């Protein structure tokens, strides 16, 4: 196992890693990822999350085939030529690579949230299934992503599962009272981690009134 990196190093160098090796991930490492996720805070400590870790070949193949079908269908006609090496094109190439090799990711983690109506939805408007508890699952998901980075694993948060969620739920036996919020393929990265490019924090921060940016 690679030497773990510190929290800030992990945050400042974590990026979506969509090119993953086929090497299996030890169970102890997978356990550590999920343990990190479950240490996240949640409202009233309700911990309304659950994680389905997919490692068997047949289910990964099912997920990969459906993921690729819907990504290619959804963005049909929008894919750049393979010779295009511009930054936006490279990002799309990486996403396409992930779709084509999703079934080879050693683990695909489905992050699920207990269904729970938001306070703003009136009782009389609560018809059908409630949405999953996003406020609980996303802090847990971020913990998982940071833990993956700290352990030298590549990962990326995806949501294309939404296009085939009923079939995925049936395939994996996920009960109706949980919704799938995100799917995270995890594996040892083919590339290297490094500094990420982000807009300055000051440009994204407003102090006391919208439009007043700090002098950072």
N, C-alpha and C. Protein backbone atom coordinates (compact mmCIF):
# COMPACT_ATOMS: atom_id res chain seq x y z
N UNK A 1 0.85 -1.20 0.00
CA UNK A 1 0.00 0.00 0.00
C UNK A 1 0.89 1.25 0.00
N UNK A 2 0.52 2.23 -0.81
CA UNK A 2 1.30 3.46 -0.89
C UNK A 2 1.20 4.23 0.42
N UNK A 3 2.22 5.04 0.68
CA UNK A 3 2.21 5.88 1.87
C UNK A 3 1.05 6.87 1.78
N UNK A 4 0.30 7.00 2.84
CA UNK A 4 -0.85 7.90 2.83
C UNK A 4 -0.38 9.35 2.80
N UNK A 5 -1.13 10.18 2.08
CA UNK A 5 -0.82 11.61 2.01
C UNK A 5 -1.69 12.36 3.01
N UNK A 6 -1.27 13.59 3.34
CA UNK A 6 -2.01 14.41 4.28
C UNK A 6 -3.30 14.95 3.69
N UNK A 7 -4.17 15.48 4.55
CA UNK A 7 -5.49 15.95 4.13
C UNK A 7 -5.41 17.04 3.07
N UNK A 8 -4.62 18.08 3.34
CA UNK A 8 -4.57 19.19 2.40
C UNK A 8 -3.88 18.80 1.10
N UNK A 9 -2.88 17.95 1.18
CA UNK A 9 -2.26 17.47 -0.05
C UNK A 9 -3.27 16.68 -0.88
N UNK A 10 -4.09 15.89 -0.20
CA UNK A 10 -5.12 15.12 -0.90
C UNK A 10 -6.12 16.05 -1.57
N UNK A 11 -6.58 17.07 -0.85
CA UNK A 11 -7.59 17.98 -1.40
C UNK A 11 -7.05 18.79 -2.57
N UNK A 12 -5.78 19.19 -2.49
CA UNK A 12 -5.20 20.05 -3.51
C UNK A 12 -4.65 19.27 -4.71
N UNK A 13 -4.70 17.95 -4.65
CA UNK A 13 -4.20 17.17 -5.78
C UNK A 13 -5.20 16.11 -6.24
N UNK A 14 -6.40 16.11 -5.67
CA UNK A 14 -7.41 15.13 -6.04
C UNK A 14 -8.12 15.56 -7.31
N UNK A 15 -8.14 14.71 -8.28
CA UNK A 15 -8.83 14.98 -9.53
C UNK A 15 -9.57 13.71 -9.95
N UNK A 16 -10.49 13.84 -10.87
CA UNK A 16 -11.18 12.66 -11.38
C UNK A 16 -10.19 11.84 -12.19
N UNK A 17 -9.98 10.62 -11.77
CA UNK A 17 -9.05 9.71 -12.47
C UNK A 17 -9.90 8.67 -13.20
N UNK A 18 -9.94 8.78 -14.52
CA UNK A 18 -10.83 7.95 -15.33
C UNK A 18 -10.10 6.85 -16.09
N UNK A 19 -8.79 6.83 -15.96
CA UNK A 19 -8.00 5.76 -16.57
C UNK A 19 -7.42 4.92 -15.43
N UNK A 20 -7.99 3.74 -15.26
CA UNK A 20 -7.67 2.90 -14.11
C UNK A 20 -7.06 1.57 -14.53
N UNK A 21 -6.16 1.08 -13.71
CA UNK A 21 -5.58 -0.24 -13.93
C UNK A 21 -6.57 -1.32 -13.51
N UNK A 22 -6.36 -2.52 -14.02
CA UNK A 22 -7.25 -3.64 -13.70
C UNK A 22 -6.87 -4.31 -12.38
N UNK A 23 -5.73 -3.93 -11.82
CA UNK A 23 -5.25 -4.58 -10.60
C UNK A 23 -6.32 -4.57 -9.51
N UNK A 24 -6.56 -5.72 -8.87
CA UNK A 24 -7.57 -5.76 -7.81
C UNK A 24 -7.19 -4.91 -6.60
N UNK A 25 -8.18 -4.45 -5.89
CA UNK A 25 -7.98 -3.66 -4.68
C UNK A 25 -8.16 -4.58 -3.48
N UNK A 26 -7.20 -4.64 -2.57
CA UNK A 26 -7.34 -5.51 -1.40
C UNK A 26 -8.60 -5.18 -0.60
N UNK A 27 -9.20 -6.20 -0.03
CA UNK A 27 -10.41 -6.00 0.77
C UNK A 27 -10.18 -5.02 1.91
N UNK A 28 -8.99 -5.08 2.51
CA UNK A 28 -8.70 -4.18 3.61
C UNK A 28 -8.71 -2.72 3.16
N UNK A 29 -8.28 -2.47 1.92
CA UNK A 29 -8.28 -1.11 1.39
C UNK A 29 -9.71 -0.66 1.10
N UNK A 30 -10.52 -1.55 0.52
CA UNK A 30 -11.93 -1.22 0.28
C UNK A 30 -12.64 -0.92 1.60
N UNK A 31 -12.32 -1.72 2.61
CA UNK A 31 -12.92 -1.50 3.92
C UNK A 31 -12.55 -0.12 4.45
N UNK A 32 -11.30 0.29 4.25
CA UNK A 32 -10.84 1.59 4.74
C UNK A 32 -11.57 2.73 4.04
N UNK A 33 -11.85 2.57 2.74
CA UNK A 33 -12.61 3.58 2.00
C UNK A 33 -14.00 3.76 2.60
N UNK A 34 -14.67 2.64 2.83
CA UNK A 34 -16.04 2.71 3.35
C UNK A 34 -16.05 3.21 4.79
N UNK A 35 -15.05 2.80 5.57
CA UNK A 35 -14.96 3.30 6.94
C UNK A 35 -14.79 4.82 6.95
N UNK A 36 -13.98 5.33 6.03
CA UNK A 36 -13.80 6.78 5.94
C UNK A 36 -15.12 7.46 5.58
N UNK A 37 -15.86 6.86 4.66
CA UNK A 37 -17.15 7.43 4.26
C UNK A 37 -18.12 7.49 5.44
N UNK A 38 -18.13 6.44 6.23
CA UNK A 38 -19.10 6.37 7.32
C UNK A 38 -18.73 7.23 8.53
N UNK A 39 -17.56 7.88 8.47
CA UNK A 39 -17.20 8.81 9.55
C UNK A 39 -17.71 10.21 9.29
N UNK A 40 -18.37 10.43 8.16
CA UNK A 40 -18.89 11.76 7.82
C UNK A 40 -20.02 12.15 8.78
N UNK A 41 -20.22 13.45 8.99
CA UNK A 41 -21.34 13.90 9.82
C UNK A 41 -22.66 13.79 9.05
N UNK A 42 -23.75 13.69 9.78
CA UNK A 42 -25.08 13.68 9.18
C UNK A 42 -26.07 14.28 10.16
N UNK A 43 -27.17 14.80 9.66
CA UNK A 43 -28.17 15.43 10.51
C UNK A 43 -28.67 14.48 11.59
N UNK A 44 -28.60 14.92 12.83
CA UNK A 44 -29.03 14.13 13.98
C UNK A 44 -28.31 12.78 14.04
N UNK A 45 -27.17 12.69 13.36
CA UNK A 45 -26.39 11.46 13.31
C UNK A 45 -27.21 10.27 12.82
N UNK A 46 -28.11 10.55 11.87
CA UNK A 46 -28.98 9.49 11.35
C UNK A 46 -28.24 8.54 10.41
N UNK A 47 -27.13 8.99 9.83
CA UNK A 47 -26.28 8.14 8.99
C UNK A 47 -27.10 7.42 7.91
N UNK A 48 -27.82 8.21 7.14
CA UNK A 48 -28.75 7.63 6.15
C UNK A 48 -28.05 7.28 4.84
N UNK A 49 -26.99 6.51 4.94
CA UNK A 49 -26.26 6.10 3.76
C UNK A 49 -26.07 4.60 3.75
N UNK A 50 -25.76 4.08 2.59
CA UNK A 50 -25.40 2.68 2.42
C UNK A 50 -24.52 2.61 1.17
N UNK A 51 -23.60 1.67 1.14
CA UNK A 51 -22.66 1.57 0.03
C UNK A 51 -22.68 0.15 -0.52
N UNK A 52 -22.88 0.04 -1.82
CA UNK A 52 -22.84 -1.26 -2.48
C UNK A 52 -21.56 -1.33 -3.29
N UNK A 53 -20.67 -2.22 -2.90
CA UNK A 53 -19.37 -2.35 -3.56
C UNK A 53 -19.46 -3.50 -4.56
N UNK A 54 -19.29 -3.18 -5.83
CA UNK A 54 -19.42 -4.17 -6.90
C UNK A 54 -18.02 -4.58 -7.37
N UNK A 55 -17.71 -5.85 -7.19
CA UNK A 55 -16.41 -6.37 -7.63
C UNK A 55 -16.56 -7.60 -8.53
N UNK A 56 -17.72 -8.23 -8.58
CA UNK A 56 -17.86 -9.43 -9.39
C UNK A 56 -17.95 -9.08 -10.88
N UNK A 57 -17.41 -9.96 -11.71
CA UNK A 57 -17.29 -9.69 -13.13
C UNK A 57 -18.63 -9.44 -13.81
N UNK A 58 -19.62 -10.26 -13.49
CA UNK A 58 -20.90 -10.18 -14.20
C UNK A 58 -21.61 -8.86 -13.94
N UNK A 59 -21.62 -8.41 -12.70
CA UNK A 59 -22.31 -7.16 -12.37
C UNK A 59 -21.54 -5.96 -12.90
N UNK A 60 -20.23 -6.01 -12.85
CA UNK A 60 -19.43 -4.92 -13.42
C UNK A 60 -19.67 -4.83 -14.93
N UNK A 61 -19.78 -5.99 -15.58
CA UNK A 61 -20.05 -6.00 -17.02
C UNK A 61 -21.42 -5.39 -17.31
N UNK A 62 -22.41 -5.75 -16.51
CA UNK A 62 -23.76 -5.20 -16.66
C UNK A 62 -23.73 -3.68 -16.50
N UNK A 63 -23.05 -3.22 -15.46
CA UNK A 63 -22.97 -1.79 -15.21
C UNK A 63 -22.23 -1.09 -16.36
N UNK A 64 -21.10 -1.65 -16.77
CA UNK A 64 -20.30 -1.05 -17.82
C UNK A 64 -21.03 -0.95 -19.15
N UNK A 65 -21.75 -2.01 -19.53
CA UNK A 65 -22.48 -2.00 -20.80
C UNK A 65 -23.56 -0.92 -20.80
N UNK A 66 -24.29 -0.83 -19.70
CA UNK A 66 -25.36 0.17 -19.62
C UNK A 66 -24.80 1.58 -19.54
N UNK A 67 -23.73 1.75 -18.78
CA UNK A 67 -23.10 3.06 -18.65
C UNK A 67 -22.62 3.55 -20.01
N UNK A 68 -21.92 2.70 -20.73
CA UNK A 68 -21.40 3.08 -22.04
C UNK A 68 -22.55 3.39 -23.00
N UNK A 69 -23.57 2.55 -23.02
CA UNK A 69 -24.71 2.78 -23.92
C UNK A 69 -25.32 4.15 -23.69
N UNK A 70 -25.57 4.49 -22.43
CA UNK A 70 -26.26 5.75 -22.16
C UNK A 70 -25.36 6.96 -22.32
N UNK A 71 -24.08 6.84 -22.01
CA UNK A 71 -23.19 7.97 -22.22
C UNK A 71 -23.07 8.27 -23.72
N UNK A 72 -22.90 7.22 -24.52
CA UNK A 72 -22.78 7.42 -25.96
C UNK A 72 -24.08 7.94 -26.56
N UNK A 73 -25.20 7.46 -26.03
CA UNK A 73 -26.52 7.89 -26.52
C UNK A 73 -26.82 9.32 -26.12
N UNK A 74 -26.49 9.64 -24.88
CA UNK A 74 -26.81 10.96 -24.34
C UNK A 74 -26.03 12.06 -25.04
N UNK A 75 -24.78 11.78 -25.38
CA UNK A 75 -23.91 12.82 -25.96
C UNK A 75 -23.58 12.53 -27.43
N UNK A 76 -24.44 11.81 -28.08
CA UNK A 76 -24.24 11.46 -29.49
C UNK A 76 -24.05 12.72 -30.33
N UNK A 77 -23.02 12.71 -31.17
CA UNK A 77 -22.75 13.85 -32.04
C UNK A 77 -21.94 14.95 -31.39
N UNK A 78 -21.60 14.79 -30.10
CA UNK A 78 -20.87 15.83 -29.39
C UNK A 78 -19.42 15.43 -29.08
N UNK A 79 -19.00 14.27 -29.55
CA UNK A 79 -17.66 13.79 -29.23
C UNK A 79 -16.64 14.39 -30.20
N UNK A 80 -15.55 14.94 -29.69
CA UNK A 80 -14.51 15.50 -30.56
C UNK A 80 -13.73 14.40 -31.26
N UNK A 81 -13.07 14.77 -32.33
CA UNK A 81 -12.22 13.83 -33.04
C UNK A 81 -11.07 13.40 -32.12
N UNK A 82 -10.63 12.17 -32.27
CA UNK A 82 -9.56 11.66 -31.41
C UNK A 82 -8.26 12.43 -31.57
N UNK A 83 -8.12 13.11 -32.70
CA UNK A 83 -6.90 13.90 -32.92
C UNK A 83 -6.93 15.23 -32.19
N UNK A 84 -8.09 15.62 -31.67
CA UNK A 84 -8.23 16.88 -30.95
C UNK A 84 -7.61 16.73 -29.56
N UNK A 85 -6.56 17.46 -29.28
CA UNK A 85 -5.86 17.35 -28.00
C UNK A 85 -6.05 18.60 -27.14
N UNK A 86 -7.06 19.40 -27.44
CA UNK A 86 -7.35 20.56 -26.61
C UNK A 86 -7.80 20.08 -25.23
N UNK A 87 -7.74 20.96 -24.24
CA UNK A 87 -8.09 20.56 -22.88
C UNK A 87 -9.52 20.05 -22.77
N UNK A 88 -10.53 20.76 -23.34
CA UNK A 88 -11.89 20.22 -23.26
C UNK A 88 -12.03 18.86 -23.94
N UNK A 89 -11.33 18.71 -25.08
CA UNK A 89 -11.40 17.44 -25.79
C UNK A 89 -10.76 16.31 -24.99
N UNK A 90 -9.64 16.62 -24.34
CA UNK A 90 -8.96 15.59 -23.53
C UNK A 90 -9.86 15.11 -22.40
N UNK A 91 -10.62 16.02 -21.81
CA UNK A 91 -11.53 15.64 -20.74
C UNK A 91 -12.62 14.70 -21.26
N UNK A 92 -13.11 15.00 -22.47
CA UNK A 92 -14.14 14.15 -23.06
C UNK A 92 -13.55 12.80 -23.46
N UNK A 93 -12.33 12.81 -23.97
CA UNK A 93 -11.66 11.55 -24.30
C UNK A 93 -11.54 10.68 -23.05
N UNK A 94 -11.19 11.31 -21.92
CA UNK A 94 -11.04 10.55 -20.67
C UNK A 94 -12.38 9.97 -20.23
N UNK A 95 -13.45 10.75 -20.37
CA UNK A 95 -14.78 10.27 -19.99
C UNK A 95 -15.20 9.11 -20.90
N UNK A 96 -14.88 9.22 -22.18
CA UNK A 96 -15.20 8.15 -23.12
C UNK A 96 -14.40 6.89 -22.79
N UNK A 97 -13.13 7.09 -22.46
CA UNK A 97 -12.28 5.95 -22.07
C UNK A 97 -12.88 5.23 -20.86
N UNK A 98 -13.33 6.00 -19.88
CA UNK A 98 -13.94 5.40 -18.70
C UNK A 98 -15.16 4.58 -19.08
N UNK A 99 -15.99 5.13 -19.97
CA UNK A 99 -17.20 4.41 -20.39
C UNK A 99 -16.84 3.09 -21.08
N UNK A 100 -15.81 3.13 -21.91
CA UNK A 100 -15.41 1.95 -22.65
C UNK A 100 -14.74 0.90 -21.77
N UNK A 101 -14.19 1.34 -20.63
CA UNK A 101 -13.46 0.42 -19.75
C UNK A 101 -14.06 0.33 -18.35
N UNK A 102 -15.28 0.85 -18.18
CA UNK A 102 -15.91 0.84 -16.86
C UNK A 102 -15.94 -0.56 -16.27
N UNK A 103 -16.23 -1.56 -17.10
CA UNK A 103 -16.35 -2.93 -16.60
C UNK A 103 -15.03 -3.49 -16.08
N UNK A 104 -13.92 -2.81 -16.42
CA UNK A 104 -12.61 -3.27 -15.98
C UNK A 104 -12.17 -2.63 -14.67
N UNK A 105 -12.89 -1.61 -14.22
CA UNK A 105 -12.56 -1.00 -12.93
C UNK A 105 -12.68 -2.09 -11.85
N UNK A 106 -11.66 -2.26 -11.02
CA UNK A 106 -11.71 -3.35 -10.04
C UNK A 106 -12.85 -3.26 -9.04
N UNK A 107 -13.34 -2.03 -8.80
CA UNK A 107 -14.48 -1.87 -7.89
C UNK A 107 -15.32 -0.68 -8.35
N UNK A 108 -16.61 -0.85 -8.30
CA UNK A 108 -17.56 0.24 -8.57
C UNK A 108 -18.41 0.37 -7.31
N UNK A 109 -18.35 1.53 -6.69
CA UNK A 109 -19.07 1.74 -5.43
C UNK A 109 -20.31 2.58 -5.67
N UNK A 110 -21.47 2.01 -5.36
CA UNK A 110 -22.72 2.75 -5.46
C UNK A 110 -23.00 3.40 -4.10
N UNK A 111 -23.07 4.73 -4.10
CA UNK A 111 -23.35 5.48 -2.87
C UNK A 111 -24.85 5.73 -2.81
N UNK A 112 -25.49 5.15 -1.83
CA UNK A 112 -26.95 5.20 -1.73
C UNK A 112 -27.39 6.00 -0.51
N UNK A 113 -28.53 6.65 -0.63
CA UNK A 113 -29.06 7.43 0.47
C UNK A 113 -30.48 7.01 0.81
N UNK A 114 -30.76 6.95 2.10
CA UNK A 114 -32.11 6.64 2.57
C UNK A 114 -33.06 7.73 2.07
N UNK A 115 -34.20 7.34 1.55
CA UNK A 115 -35.16 8.32 1.04
C UNK A 115 -35.76 9.11 2.20
N UNK A 116 -35.83 10.43 1.99
CA UNK A 116 -36.28 11.30 3.08
C UNK A 116 -36.78 12.61 2.48
N UNK A 117 -38.02 12.97 2.73
CA UNK A 117 -38.58 14.19 2.16
C UNK A 117 -37.92 15.43 2.78
N UNK A 118 -37.51 16.39 1.95
CA UNK A 118 -36.97 17.65 2.49
C UNK A 118 -38.05 18.41 3.27
N UNK A 119 -37.63 19.22 4.23
CA UNK A 119 -38.58 19.98 5.04
C UNK A 119 -39.49 20.86 4.18
N UNK A 120 -38.96 21.37 3.08
CA UNK A 120 -39.70 22.34 2.27
C UNK A 120 -40.88 21.71 1.54
N UNK A 121 -40.89 20.40 1.42
CA UNK A 121 -41.99 19.72 0.73
C UNK A 121 -43.12 19.47 1.72
N UNK A 122 -44.27 20.11 1.46
CA UNK A 122 -45.42 19.97 2.36
C UNK A 122 -45.92 18.53 2.39
N UNK A 123 -46.53 18.17 3.51
CA UNK A 123 -46.99 16.80 3.70
C UNK A 123 -47.92 16.35 2.57
N UNK A 124 -48.82 17.26 2.14
CA UNK A 124 -49.78 16.89 1.11
C UNK A 124 -49.13 16.74 -0.28
N UNK A 125 -47.91 17.24 -0.42
CA UNK A 125 -47.21 17.14 -1.70
C UNK A 125 -46.26 15.95 -1.76
N UNK A 126 -46.20 15.19 -0.71
CA UNK A 126 -45.26 14.07 -0.66
C UNK A 126 -45.89 12.84 -1.31
N UNK A 127 -45.81 12.85 -2.64
CA UNK A 127 -46.40 11.78 -3.44
C UNK A 127 -45.30 10.95 -4.08
N UNK A 128 -45.44 9.65 -4.05
CA UNK A 128 -44.44 8.78 -4.64
C UNK A 128 -43.24 8.60 -3.73
N UNK A 129 -42.12 8.22 -4.31
CA UNK A 129 -40.92 7.98 -3.53
C UNK A 129 -40.20 9.30 -3.21
N UNK A 130 -39.75 9.45 -1.99
CA UNK A 130 -38.96 10.62 -1.61
C UNK A 130 -37.58 10.53 -2.24
N UNK A 131 -36.93 11.65 -2.44
CA UNK A 131 -35.56 11.61 -2.95
C UNK A 131 -34.62 11.08 -1.87
N UNK A 132 -33.47 10.56 -2.25
CA UNK A 132 -32.49 10.14 -1.23
C UNK A 132 -31.97 11.35 -0.47
N UNK A 133 -31.42 11.11 0.71
CA UNK A 133 -30.94 12.18 1.58
C UNK A 133 -29.58 12.68 1.10
N UNK A 134 -29.61 13.63 0.14
CA UNK A 134 -28.36 14.14 -0.44
C UNK A 134 -27.46 14.79 0.62
N UNK A 135 -28.08 15.49 1.58
CA UNK A 135 -27.30 16.19 2.60
C UNK A 135 -26.46 15.25 3.44
N UNK A 136 -26.87 14.00 3.52
CA UNK A 136 -26.09 13.01 4.27
C UNK A 136 -25.07 12.30 3.39
N UNK A 137 -25.50 11.93 2.19
CA UNK A 137 -24.64 11.07 1.38
C UNK A 137 -23.46 11.82 0.78
N UNK A 138 -23.62 13.10 0.44
CA UNK A 138 -22.50 13.77 -0.22
C UNK A 138 -21.29 14.02 0.69
N UNK A 139 -21.47 14.38 1.96
CA UNK A 139 -20.28 14.44 2.82
C UNK A 139 -19.58 13.08 2.93
N UNK A 140 -20.37 12.01 2.99
CA UNK A 140 -19.79 10.67 3.06
C UNK A 140 -19.06 10.34 1.77
N UNK A 141 -19.65 10.74 0.65
CA UNK A 141 -19.02 10.49 -0.65
C UNK A 141 -17.70 11.23 -0.78
N UNK A 142 -17.67 12.48 -0.32
CA UNK A 142 -16.42 13.25 -0.37
C UNK A 142 -15.36 12.60 0.51
N UNK A 143 -15.76 12.11 1.68
CA UNK A 143 -14.81 11.38 2.53
C UNK A 143 -14.20 10.20 1.79
N UNK A 144 -15.05 9.49 1.06
CA UNK A 144 -14.60 8.31 0.32
C UNK A 144 -13.60 8.71 -0.76
N UNK A 145 -13.89 9.79 -1.48
CA UNK A 145 -13.00 10.25 -2.54
C UNK A 145 -11.65 10.70 -1.98
N UNK A 146 -11.69 11.41 -0.85
CA UNK A 146 -10.44 11.86 -0.22
C UNK A 146 -9.64 10.67 0.30
N UNK A 147 -10.33 9.69 0.84
CA UNK A 147 -9.64 8.50 1.33
C UNK A 147 -8.98 7.75 0.17
N UNK A 148 -9.67 7.69 -0.96
CA UNK A 148 -9.09 7.03 -2.14
C UNK A 148 -7.80 7.74 -2.56
N UNK A 149 -7.87 9.08 -2.59
CA UNK A 149 -6.67 9.84 -2.96
C UNK A 149 -5.54 9.60 -1.96
N UNK A 150 -5.87 9.59 -0.68
CA UNK A 150 -4.86 9.40 0.36
C UNK A 150 -4.18 8.04 0.24
N UNK A 151 -4.91 7.06 -0.27
CA UNK A 151 -4.38 5.71 -0.38
C UNK A 151 -3.79 5.43 -1.76
N UNK A 152 -3.71 6.48 -2.59
CA UNK A 152 -3.12 6.31 -3.92
C UNK A 152 -4.04 5.70 -4.94
N UNK A 153 -5.34 5.71 -4.68
CA UNK A 153 -6.33 5.16 -5.61
C UNK A 153 -6.94 6.27 -6.44
N UNK A 154 -7.26 5.95 -7.68
CA UNK A 154 -7.97 6.88 -8.54
C UNK A 154 -9.46 6.62 -8.45
N UNK A 155 -10.26 7.68 -8.57
CA UNK A 155 -11.71 7.54 -8.49
C UNK A 155 -12.35 8.72 -9.19
N UNK A 156 -13.61 8.57 -9.55
CA UNK A 156 -14.36 9.68 -10.14
C UNK A 156 -15.83 9.49 -9.81
N UNK A 157 -16.48 10.59 -9.46
CA UNK A 157 -17.91 10.55 -9.13
C UNK A 157 -18.70 10.64 -10.42
N UNK A 158 -19.59 9.70 -10.65
CA UNK A 158 -20.41 9.68 -11.86
C UNK A 158 -21.88 9.58 -11.50
N UNK A 159 -22.75 10.03 -12.41
CA UNK A 159 -24.19 9.96 -12.16
C UNK A 159 -24.97 9.41 -13.36
N UNK A 160 -24.27 8.88 -14.35
CA UNK A 160 -24.95 8.33 -15.53
C UNK A 160 -25.83 7.14 -15.18
N UNK A 161 -25.64 6.57 -13.99
CA UNK A 161 -26.49 5.45 -13.56
C UNK A 161 -27.96 5.83 -13.54
N UNK A 162 -28.24 7.15 -13.46
CA UNK A 162 -29.62 7.61 -13.42
C UNK A 162 -30.41 7.13 -14.64
N UNK A 163 -29.72 6.95 -15.75
CA UNK A 163 -30.39 6.56 -16.99
C UNK A 163 -30.85 5.10 -16.98
N UNK A 164 -30.29 4.30 -16.09
CA UNK A 164 -30.71 2.90 -16.01
C UNK A 164 -30.86 2.45 -14.55
N UNK A 165 -31.24 3.40 -13.70
CA UNK A 165 -31.34 3.08 -12.28
C UNK A 165 -32.35 1.97 -11.97
N UNK A 166 -33.55 1.95 -12.58
CA UNK A 166 -34.49 0.85 -12.26
C UNK A 166 -33.87 -0.52 -12.52
N UNK A 167 -33.20 -0.67 -13.67
CA UNK A 167 -32.58 -1.95 -14.00
C UNK A 167 -31.43 -2.27 -13.03
N UNK A 168 -30.68 -1.24 -12.67
CA UNK A 168 -29.55 -1.43 -11.75
C UNK A 168 -30.05 -1.82 -10.36
N UNK A 169 -31.12 -1.17 -9.94
CA UNK A 169 -31.68 -1.48 -8.63
C UNK A 169 -32.15 -2.93 -8.58
N UNK A 170 -32.82 -3.35 -9.64
CA UNK A 170 -33.31 -4.73 -9.70
C UNK A 170 -32.14 -5.72 -9.73
N UNK A 171 -31.13 -5.39 -10.53
CA UNK A 171 -29.97 -6.28 -10.67
C UNK A 171 -29.27 -6.48 -9.33
N UNK A 172 -29.15 -5.40 -8.56
CA UNK A 172 -28.39 -5.45 -7.31
C UNK A 172 -29.27 -5.64 -6.08
N UNK A 173 -30.57 -5.73 -6.27
CA UNK A 173 -31.46 -5.96 -5.13
C UNK A 173 -31.55 -4.80 -4.17
N UNK A 174 -31.42 -3.57 -4.67
CA UNK A 174 -31.49 -2.38 -3.81
C UNK A 174 -32.94 -2.09 -3.47
N UNK A 175 -33.28 -1.98 -2.19
CA UNK A 175 -34.68 -1.77 -1.79
C UNK A 175 -35.17 -0.37 -2.17
N UNK A 176 -36.51 -0.23 -2.23
CA UNK A 176 -37.12 1.03 -2.66
C UNK A 176 -36.84 2.19 -1.72
N UNK A 177 -36.53 1.91 -0.45
CA UNK A 177 -36.34 3.01 0.49
C UNK A 177 -34.94 3.62 0.41
N UNK A 178 -34.14 3.18 -0.55
CA UNK A 178 -32.83 3.78 -0.80
C UNK A 178 -32.74 4.20 -2.27
N UNK A 179 -32.15 5.37 -2.50
CA UNK A 179 -31.90 5.83 -3.86
C UNK A 179 -30.40 5.86 -4.12
N UNK A 180 -30.01 5.63 -5.37
CA UNK A 180 -28.59 5.68 -5.73
C UNK A 180 -28.24 7.12 -6.06
N UNK A 181 -27.31 7.68 -5.32
CA UNK A 181 -26.92 9.08 -5.52
C UNK A 181 -25.74 9.20 -6.46
N UNK A 182 -24.77 8.32 -6.35
CA UNK A 182 -23.57 8.40 -7.19
C UNK A 182 -22.97 7.02 -7.35
N UNK A 183 -22.25 6.86 -8.45
CA UNK A 183 -21.48 5.63 -8.70
C UNK A 183 -20.03 6.04 -8.85
N UNK A 184 -19.14 5.37 -8.12
CA UNK A 184 -17.73 5.74 -8.12
C UNK A 184 -16.87 4.55 -8.52
N UNK A 185 -16.35 4.54 -9.76
CA UNK A 185 -15.37 3.51 -10.11
C UNK A 185 -14.04 3.82 -9.43
N UNK A 186 -13.42 2.80 -8.87
CA UNK A 186 -12.18 2.99 -8.11
C UNK A 186 -11.13 2.00 -8.59
N UNK A 187 -9.90 2.46 -8.68
CA UNK A 187 -8.80 1.58 -9.06
C UNK A 187 -7.48 2.33 -8.95
N UNK A 188 -6.39 1.61 -9.13
CA UNK A 188 -5.09 2.27 -9.14
C UNK A 188 -4.96 3.04 -10.45
N UNK A 189 -4.59 4.31 -10.40
CA UNK A 189 -4.59 5.14 -11.61
C UNK A 189 -3.46 4.81 -12.58
N UNK A 190 -3.75 4.98 -13.87
CA UNK A 190 -2.70 4.84 -14.88
C UNK A 190 -1.82 6.09 -14.91
N UNK A 191 -2.42 7.24 -14.63
CA UNK A 191 -1.68 8.49 -14.64
C UNK A 191 -1.21 8.87 -13.25
N UNK A 192 -0.73 10.10 -13.13
CA UNK A 192 -0.20 10.59 -11.86
C UNK A 192 -1.07 11.70 -11.28
N UNK A 193 -1.08 11.79 -9.98
CA UNK A 193 -1.75 12.90 -9.32
C UNK A 193 -0.86 14.13 -9.41
N UNK A 194 -1.46 15.28 -9.31
CA UNK A 194 -0.68 16.51 -9.35
C UNK A 194 -1.56 17.69 -9.03
N UNK A 195 -0.98 18.88 -9.10
CA UNK A 195 -1.75 20.09 -8.80
C UNK A 195 -2.92 20.22 -9.77
N UNK A 196 -4.06 20.64 -9.26
CA UNK A 196 -5.25 20.83 -10.09
C UNK A 196 -5.39 22.31 -10.45
N UNK A 197 -6.12 22.57 -11.51
CA UNK A 197 -6.34 23.94 -11.95
C UNK A 197 -7.75 24.37 -11.54
N UNK A 198 -7.82 25.37 -10.69
CA UNK A 198 -9.11 25.87 -10.22
C UNK A 198 -9.09 27.39 -10.22
N UNK A 199 -10.25 28.00 -10.32
CA UNK A 199 -10.33 29.45 -10.23
C UNK A 199 -9.99 29.89 -8.81
N UNK A 200 -9.44 31.10 -8.65
CA UNK A 200 -9.08 31.57 -7.30
C UNK A 200 -10.27 31.56 -6.35
N UNK A 201 -10.01 31.19 -5.11
CA UNK A 201 -11.08 31.14 -4.11
C UNK A 201 -11.78 32.48 -3.96
N UNK A 202 -11.01 33.58 -4.04
CA UNK A 202 -11.60 34.91 -3.88
C UNK A 202 -12.65 35.20 -4.94
N UNK A 203 -12.44 34.67 -6.15
CA UNK A 203 -13.39 34.91 -7.24
C UNK A 203 -14.70 34.19 -7.01
N UNK A 204 -14.68 33.17 -6.16
CA UNK A 204 -15.87 32.39 -5.87
C UNK A 204 -16.49 32.74 -4.52
N UNK A 205 -15.92 33.74 -3.85
CA UNK A 205 -16.36 34.09 -2.50
C UNK A 205 -16.95 35.50 -2.49
N UNK A 206 -18.09 35.63 -1.82
CA UNK A 206 -18.74 36.93 -1.64
C UNK A 206 -18.81 37.21 -0.14
N UNK A 207 -18.39 38.40 0.27
CA UNK A 207 -18.34 38.74 1.69
C UNK A 207 -19.48 39.69 2.06
N UNK A 208 -20.37 39.20 2.91
CA UNK A 208 -21.48 39.97 3.46
C UNK A 208 -22.55 40.34 2.45
N UNK A 209 -22.17 40.64 1.22
CA UNK A 209 -23.13 40.99 0.18
C UNK A 209 -22.63 40.46 -1.16
N UNK A 210 -23.57 39.96 -1.96
CA UNK A 210 -23.20 39.36 -3.24
C UNK A 210 -22.47 40.40 -4.11
N UNK A 211 -21.35 39.97 -4.67
CA UNK A 211 -20.58 40.86 -5.52
C UNK A 211 -19.40 41.50 -4.82
N UNK A 212 -19.37 41.40 -3.50
CA UNK A 212 -18.24 41.94 -2.73
C UNK A 212 -17.25 40.81 -2.45
N UNK A 213 -16.18 40.81 -3.22
CA UNK A 213 -15.20 39.73 -3.10
C UNK A 213 -14.10 40.11 -2.11
N UNK A 214 -13.59 39.16 -1.38
CA UNK A 214 -12.53 39.47 -0.42
C UNK A 214 -11.23 39.80 -1.13
N UNK A 215 -10.38 40.56 -0.47
CA UNK A 215 -9.09 40.95 -1.02
C UNK A 215 -8.05 39.92 -0.58
N UNK A 216 -8.22 38.71 -1.06
CA UNK A 216 -7.32 37.62 -0.69
C UNK A 216 -6.20 37.50 -1.72
